[in-house]
Amino acid sequence: MTLLFQNQTESKEKTAIDILITSVTGALMHSRDFTKITCYELTNLTISGTVAVPDRAFSMPIRRSDGKLTLFGVSVVDGKFEARLNFPTSGQYRYTDEEANIDLPPNTFTILPVKIDVLRKVA
């Protein structure tokens, strides 16, 4: 007779860490929850918020509608971050869970999907 033993350890699903945007400056307009932002190309846009991780620096990949990624550096200090963005060309950009977790273990971060419309700046 063969006895089969089951692993008694319960697997716990990892809970994603919330990225919460609390303010946006340099935008022409934005929604109340910061999920829709409009700005001009070649203009500084600053996104601030909170994320519960130890102090560290990381890249923030933002995807343009053609699939190209633009990377911005972000630092977290005392659970707060500030991302300074400046888009070189007009287009529609997005930052979702997919982009937030690039090169990280799945389900590390979660964020409400953000859509950024970058308008051509004309004289």
N, C-alpha and C. Protein backbone atom coordinates (compact mmCIF):
# COMPACT_ATOMS: atom_id res chain seq x y z
N MET A 1 0.85 -1.17 0.00
CA MET A 1 0.00 0.00 0.00
C MET A 1 0.90 1.24 0.00
N THR A 2 0.54 2.26 -0.84
CA THR A 2 1.28 3.50 -0.93
C THR A 2 0.47 4.61 -0.30
N LEU A 3 1.12 5.36 0.56
CA LEU A 3 0.46 6.50 1.19
C LEU A 3 0.87 7.78 0.47
N LEU A 4 -0.07 8.61 0.16
CA LEU A 4 0.19 9.90 -0.47
C LEU A 4 -0.06 10.99 0.56
N PHE A 5 0.90 11.87 0.71
CA PHE A 5 0.77 12.98 1.65
C PHE A 5 0.59 14.27 0.88
N GLN A 6 -0.34 15.06 1.30
CA GLN A 6 -0.55 16.37 0.68
C GLN A 6 0.26 17.41 1.43
N ASN A 7 0.72 18.39 0.71
CA ASN A 7 1.44 19.49 1.32
C ASN A 7 0.47 20.26 2.19
N GLN A 8 0.79 20.38 3.47
CA GLN A 8 -0.12 21.03 4.42
C GLN A 8 0.00 22.55 4.42
N THR A 9 1.03 23.09 3.76
CA THR A 9 1.16 24.54 3.74
C THR A 9 0.15 25.15 2.78
N GLU A 10 -0.52 26.15 3.25
CA GLU A 10 -1.49 26.83 2.40
C GLU A 10 -0.78 27.91 1.61
N SER A 11 -1.07 27.99 0.34
CA SER A 11 -0.47 29.04 -0.46
C SER A 11 -1.32 30.30 -0.34
N LYS A 12 -0.65 31.37 -0.06
CA LYS A 12 -1.35 32.65 0.05
C LYS A 12 -1.04 33.45 -1.21
N GLU A 13 -2.08 34.00 -1.79
CA GLU A 13 -1.88 34.84 -2.97
C GLU A 13 -1.29 36.17 -2.53
N LYS A 14 -0.31 36.62 -3.29
CA LYS A 14 0.33 37.88 -3.00
C LYS A 14 -0.64 39.01 -3.34
N THR A 15 -0.77 39.96 -2.44
CA THR A 15 -1.62 41.11 -2.68
C THR A 15 -0.79 42.21 -3.34
N ALA A 16 -1.30 42.73 -4.44
CA ALA A 16 -0.60 43.79 -5.17
C ALA A 16 -0.57 45.06 -4.34
N ILE A 17 0.52 45.81 -4.51
CA ILE A 17 0.70 47.07 -3.81
C ILE A 17 0.06 48.19 -4.63
N ASP A 18 -0.82 48.96 -4.00
CA ASP A 18 -1.53 50.05 -4.69
C ASP A 18 -0.59 51.22 -4.98
N ILE A 19 -0.63 51.69 -6.20
CA ILE A 19 0.00 52.96 -6.57
C ILE A 19 -1.15 53.96 -6.64
N LEU A 20 -1.10 54.97 -5.79
CA LEU A 20 -2.19 55.94 -5.72
C LEU A 20 -1.69 57.31 -6.15
N ILE A 21 -2.26 57.84 -7.21
CA ILE A 21 -1.92 59.19 -7.66
C ILE A 21 -2.74 60.18 -6.85
N THR A 22 -2.06 61.18 -6.27
CA THR A 22 -2.75 62.17 -5.44
C THR A 22 -2.75 63.58 -6.03
N SER A 23 -1.85 63.83 -7.00
CA SER A 23 -1.87 65.14 -7.65
C SER A 23 -1.15 65.10 -8.98
N VAL A 24 -1.53 66.03 -9.85
CA VAL A 24 -0.91 66.20 -11.16
C VAL A 24 -0.73 67.70 -11.38
N THR A 25 0.49 68.10 -11.76
CA THR A 25 0.72 69.51 -12.10
C THR A 25 1.31 69.57 -13.51
N GLY A 26 1.06 70.68 -14.19
CA GLY A 26 1.56 70.87 -15.54
C GLY A 26 0.61 70.37 -16.61
N ALA A 27 -0.54 69.84 -16.22
CA ALA A 27 -1.52 69.33 -17.18
C ALA A 27 -2.47 70.44 -17.62
N LEU A 28 -2.98 70.31 -18.83
CA LEU A 28 -4.03 71.22 -19.29
C LEU A 28 -5.33 70.92 -18.54
N MET A 29 -5.57 69.63 -18.31
CA MET A 29 -6.74 69.18 -17.57
C MET A 29 -6.52 67.74 -17.13
N HIS A 30 -7.28 67.34 -16.13
CA HIS A 30 -7.25 65.95 -15.68
C HIS A 30 -8.57 65.62 -14.98
N SER A 31 -8.88 64.34 -14.95
CA SER A 31 -10.09 63.91 -14.25
C SER A 31 -9.84 63.96 -12.74
N ARG A 32 -10.91 63.94 -12.01
CA ARG A 32 -10.83 64.02 -10.55
C ARG A 32 -9.99 62.88 -9.96
N ASP A 33 -10.09 61.69 -10.56
CA ASP A 33 -9.33 60.53 -10.05
C ASP A 33 -7.99 60.35 -10.75
N PHE A 34 -7.60 61.30 -11.58
CA PHE A 34 -6.31 61.32 -12.28
C PHE A 34 -6.14 60.16 -13.27
N THR A 35 -7.24 59.59 -13.75
CA THR A 35 -7.14 58.50 -14.72
C THR A 35 -7.13 59.00 -16.16
N LYS A 36 -7.48 60.26 -16.36
CA LYS A 36 -7.43 60.88 -17.69
C LYS A 36 -6.71 62.22 -17.54
N ILE A 37 -5.59 62.34 -18.25
CA ILE A 37 -4.76 63.53 -18.15
C ILE A 37 -4.49 64.03 -19.56
N THR A 38 -4.53 65.34 -19.75
CA THR A 38 -4.20 65.96 -21.03
C THR A 38 -3.10 66.98 -20.79
N CYS A 39 -2.07 66.92 -21.65
CA CYS A 39 -0.96 67.87 -21.54
C CYS A 39 -0.40 68.14 -22.94
N TYR A 40 0.53 69.09 -23.03
CA TYR A 40 1.22 69.36 -24.28
C TYR A 40 2.51 68.54 -24.34
N GLU A 41 2.94 68.22 -25.56
CA GLU A 41 4.24 67.60 -25.74
C GLU A 41 5.34 68.58 -25.32
N LEU A 42 6.51 68.05 -24.99
CA LEU A 42 7.68 68.85 -24.62
C LEU A 42 7.41 69.80 -23.45
N THR A 43 6.45 69.43 -22.60
CA THR A 43 6.10 70.22 -21.41
C THR A 43 6.18 69.31 -20.19
N ASN A 44 6.74 69.82 -19.10
CA ASN A 44 6.87 69.01 -17.89
C ASN A 44 5.50 68.74 -17.26
N LEU A 45 5.30 67.49 -16.92
CA LEU A 45 4.10 67.03 -16.25
C LEU A 45 4.58 66.28 -15.01
N THR A 46 4.09 66.67 -13.85
CA THR A 46 4.52 66.02 -12.62
C THR A 46 3.35 65.27 -12.00
N ILE A 47 3.57 63.99 -11.76
CA ILE A 47 2.56 63.13 -11.14
C ILE A 47 3.11 62.72 -9.78
N SER A 48 2.32 62.98 -8.73
CA SER A 48 2.72 62.65 -7.37
C SER A 48 1.72 61.68 -6.77
N GLY A 49 2.21 60.92 -5.79
CA GLY A 49 1.31 59.99 -5.14
C GLY A 49 2.00 59.19 -4.05
N THR A 50 1.36 58.09 -3.69
CA THR A 50 1.88 57.23 -2.64
C THR A 50 1.96 55.79 -3.11
N VAL A 51 2.93 55.08 -2.56
CA VAL A 51 3.07 53.65 -2.80
C VAL A 51 3.82 53.08 -1.60
N ALA A 52 3.30 52.03 -1.02
CA ALA A 52 3.84 51.48 0.23
C ALA A 52 5.01 50.53 -0.04
N VAL A 53 6.15 51.13 -0.39
CA VAL A 53 7.39 50.36 -0.57
C VAL A 53 8.51 51.12 0.14
N PRO A 54 9.58 50.40 0.51
CA PRO A 54 10.72 51.11 1.10
C PRO A 54 11.32 52.08 0.08
N ASP A 55 12.07 53.05 0.58
CA ASP A 55 12.71 54.04 -0.30
C ASP A 55 13.49 53.32 -1.39
N ARG A 56 13.26 53.73 -2.63
CA ARG A 56 13.96 53.12 -3.76
C ARG A 56 13.67 53.92 -5.02
N ALA A 57 14.46 53.65 -6.04
CA ALA A 57 14.24 54.25 -7.36
C ALA A 57 13.83 53.13 -8.31
N PHE A 58 12.97 53.46 -9.26
CA PHE A 58 12.56 52.47 -10.26
C PHE A 58 12.18 53.19 -11.54
N SER A 59 12.01 52.42 -12.60
CA SER A 59 11.59 53.02 -13.87
C SER A 59 10.08 52.91 -14.00
N MET A 60 9.52 53.92 -14.62
CA MET A 60 8.07 53.98 -14.87
C MET A 60 7.88 53.89 -16.38
N PRO A 61 7.57 52.69 -16.89
CA PRO A 61 7.35 52.55 -18.33
C PRO A 61 5.94 52.97 -18.72
N ILE A 62 5.85 53.91 -19.63
CA ILE A 62 4.54 54.37 -20.12
C ILE A 62 4.45 53.99 -21.59
N ARG A 63 3.33 53.38 -21.97
CA ARG A 63 3.17 52.85 -23.32
C ARG A 63 2.38 53.80 -24.21
N ARG A 64 2.95 54.09 -25.36
CA ARG A 64 2.25 54.89 -26.37
C ARG A 64 1.30 53.98 -27.14
N SER A 65 0.32 54.54 -27.79
CA SER A 65 -0.69 53.74 -28.50
C SER A 65 -0.09 52.85 -29.58
N ASP A 66 1.11 53.17 -30.08
CA ASP A 66 1.76 52.31 -31.07
C ASP A 66 2.55 51.17 -30.43
N GLY A 67 2.51 51.08 -29.08
CA GLY A 67 3.18 50.00 -28.36
C GLY A 67 4.55 50.35 -27.84
N LYS A 68 5.11 51.46 -28.28
CA LYS A 68 6.44 51.87 -27.85
C LYS A 68 6.41 52.30 -26.38
N LEU A 69 7.43 51.87 -25.62
CA LEU A 69 7.54 52.26 -24.22
C LEU A 69 8.46 53.46 -24.08
N THR A 70 8.07 54.38 -23.23
CA THR A 70 8.93 55.50 -22.83
C THR A 70 9.17 55.31 -21.34
N LEU A 71 10.44 55.33 -20.92
CA LEU A 71 10.78 55.10 -19.52
C LEU A 71 11.12 56.41 -18.82
N PHE A 72 10.58 56.56 -17.62
CA PHE A 72 10.87 57.72 -16.78
C PHE A 72 11.36 57.21 -15.43
N GLY A 73 12.32 57.90 -14.85
CA GLY A 73 12.82 57.53 -13.53
C GLY A 73 11.92 58.09 -12.44
N VAL A 74 11.71 57.28 -11.41
CA VAL A 74 10.86 57.68 -10.28
C VAL A 74 11.56 57.25 -8.99
N SER A 75 11.52 58.11 -7.99
CA SER A 75 12.06 57.77 -6.67
C SER A 75 10.93 57.77 -5.66
N VAL A 76 10.99 56.80 -4.75
CA VAL A 76 10.04 56.73 -3.65
C VAL A 76 10.80 57.08 -2.38
N VAL A 77 10.30 58.05 -1.64
CA VAL A 77 10.89 58.44 -0.36
C VAL A 77 9.76 58.54 0.66
N ASP A 78 9.90 57.80 1.75
CA ASP A 78 8.87 57.79 2.80
C ASP A 78 7.48 57.46 2.26
N GLY A 79 7.41 56.55 1.29
CA GLY A 79 6.13 56.11 0.74
C GLY A 79 5.50 57.06 -0.25
N LYS A 80 6.21 58.14 -0.60
CA LYS A 80 5.69 59.12 -1.56
C LYS A 80 6.58 59.13 -2.80
N PHE A 81 5.95 59.32 -3.95
CA PHE A 81 6.71 59.41 -5.19
C PHE A 81 6.34 60.66 -5.96
N GLU A 82 7.27 61.05 -6.82
CA GLU A 82 7.01 62.15 -7.74
C GLU A 82 7.65 61.76 -9.06
N ALA A 83 6.85 61.69 -10.10
CA ALA A 83 7.33 61.34 -11.44
C ALA A 83 7.26 62.58 -12.32
N ARG A 84 8.40 62.97 -12.86
CA ARG A 84 8.44 64.11 -13.79
C ARG A 84 8.48 63.54 -15.20
N LEU A 85 7.43 63.82 -15.95
CA LEU A 85 7.29 63.30 -17.31
C LEU A 85 7.40 64.44 -18.30
N ASN A 86 7.92 64.13 -19.47
CA ASN A 86 7.99 65.10 -20.55
C ASN A 86 7.98 64.28 -21.83
N PHE A 87 6.89 64.32 -22.55
CA PHE A 87 6.72 63.49 -23.74
C PHE A 87 7.26 64.20 -24.97
N PRO A 88 8.12 63.53 -25.75
CA PRO A 88 8.75 64.16 -26.90
C PRO A 88 7.83 64.35 -28.10
N THR A 89 6.72 63.63 -28.11
CA THR A 89 5.82 63.73 -29.26
C THR A 89 4.37 63.52 -28.81
N SER A 90 3.47 64.04 -29.59
CA SER A 90 2.05 63.91 -29.27
C SER A 90 1.61 62.46 -29.43
N GLY A 91 0.48 62.14 -28.85
CA GLY A 91 -0.08 60.80 -28.96
C GLY A 91 -0.86 60.45 -27.71
N GLN A 92 -1.35 59.22 -27.69
CA GLN A 92 -2.05 58.72 -26.51
C GLN A 92 -1.12 57.74 -25.81
N TYR A 93 -1.02 57.89 -24.49
CA TYR A 93 -0.15 57.07 -23.67
C TYR A 93 -0.99 56.44 -22.57
N ARG A 94 -0.50 55.31 -22.02
CA ARG A 94 -1.23 54.66 -20.93
C ARG A 94 -0.26 54.10 -19.91
N TYR A 95 -0.75 54.04 -18.68
CA TYR A 95 -0.02 53.42 -17.58
C TYR A 95 -1.03 52.59 -16.82
N THR A 96 -0.87 51.26 -16.89
CA THR A 96 -1.80 50.32 -16.27
C THR A 96 -1.00 49.31 -15.46
N ASP A 97 -1.69 48.35 -14.88
CA ASP A 97 -1.01 47.27 -14.16
C ASP A 97 0.05 46.60 -15.04
N GLU A 98 -0.26 46.45 -16.32
CA GLU A 98 0.69 45.79 -17.23
C GLU A 98 2.01 46.55 -17.27
N GLU A 99 1.96 47.85 -17.45
CA GLU A 99 3.19 48.65 -17.50
C GLU A 99 3.85 48.72 -16.13
N ALA A 100 3.07 48.86 -15.07
CA ALA A 100 3.62 48.98 -13.71
C ALA A 100 4.41 47.73 -13.31
N ASN A 101 4.08 46.59 -13.89
CA ASN A 101 4.71 45.33 -13.50
C ASN A 101 5.73 44.79 -14.51
N ILE A 102 6.10 45.60 -15.50
CA ILE A 102 7.11 45.16 -16.47
C ILE A 102 8.41 44.89 -15.71
N ASP A 103 9.03 43.76 -15.99
CA ASP A 103 10.29 43.33 -15.38
C ASP A 103 10.17 43.07 -13.87
N LEU A 104 8.97 42.91 -13.37
CA LEU A 104 8.74 42.60 -11.96
C LEU A 104 7.92 41.31 -11.87
N PRO A 105 7.92 40.67 -10.71
CA PRO A 105 7.03 39.51 -10.56
C PRO A 105 5.58 39.92 -10.79
N PRO A 106 4.77 39.04 -11.38
CA PRO A 106 3.37 39.38 -11.63
C PRO A 106 2.67 39.83 -10.35
N ASN A 107 1.75 40.76 -10.51
CA ASN A 107 0.91 41.23 -9.41
C ASN A 107 1.71 41.94 -8.31
N THR A 108 2.82 42.59 -8.67
CA THR A 108 3.58 43.35 -7.68
C THR A 108 2.85 44.66 -7.37
N PHE A 109 2.43 45.39 -8.43
CA PHE A 109 1.76 46.68 -8.25
C PHE A 109 0.40 46.66 -8.94
N THR A 110 -0.47 47.53 -8.47
CA THR A 110 -1.75 47.75 -9.14
C THR A 110 -2.05 49.25 -9.12
N ILE A 111 -2.68 49.73 -10.18
CA ILE A 111 -3.04 51.14 -10.30
C ILE A 111 -4.30 51.26 -11.15
N LEU A 112 -5.12 52.27 -10.87
CA LEU A 112 -6.23 52.54 -11.77
C LEU A 112 -5.63 52.91 -13.11
N PRO A 113 -6.12 52.38 -14.22
CA PRO A 113 -5.54 52.69 -15.53
C PRO A 113 -5.53 54.20 -15.80
N VAL A 114 -4.38 54.70 -16.23
CA VAL A 114 -4.20 56.11 -16.52
C VAL A 114 -4.00 56.29 -18.02
N LYS A 115 -4.78 57.19 -18.62
CA LYS A 115 -4.64 57.53 -20.04
C LYS A 115 -4.17 58.98 -20.12
N ILE A 116 -3.07 59.18 -20.87
CA ILE A 116 -2.53 60.53 -21.03
C ILE A 116 -2.61 60.92 -22.50
N ASP A 117 -3.36 61.97 -22.78
CA ASP A 117 -3.42 62.51 -24.12
C ASP A 117 -2.40 63.65 -24.21
N VAL A 118 -1.42 63.47 -25.11
CA VAL A 118 -0.37 64.46 -25.28
C VAL A 118 -0.64 65.19 -26.59
N LEU A 119 -0.92 66.48 -26.49
CA LEU A 119 -1.29 67.28 -27.65
C LEU A 119 -0.06 67.93 -28.28
N ARG A 120 -0.10 68.08 -29.59
CA ARG A 120 0.94 68.80 -30.32
C ARG A 120 0.90 70.25 -29.88
N LYS A 121 2.06 70.80 -29.55
CA LYS A 121 2.12 72.21 -29.14
C LYS A 121 2.53 73.02 -30.37
N VAL A 122 1.65 73.96 -30.75
CA VAL A 122 1.90 74.80 -31.91
C VAL A 122 2.03 76.25 -31.46
N ALA A 123 2.83 77.00 -32.21
CA ALA A 123 3.06 78.42 -31.85
C ALA A 123 1.89 79.29 -32.24
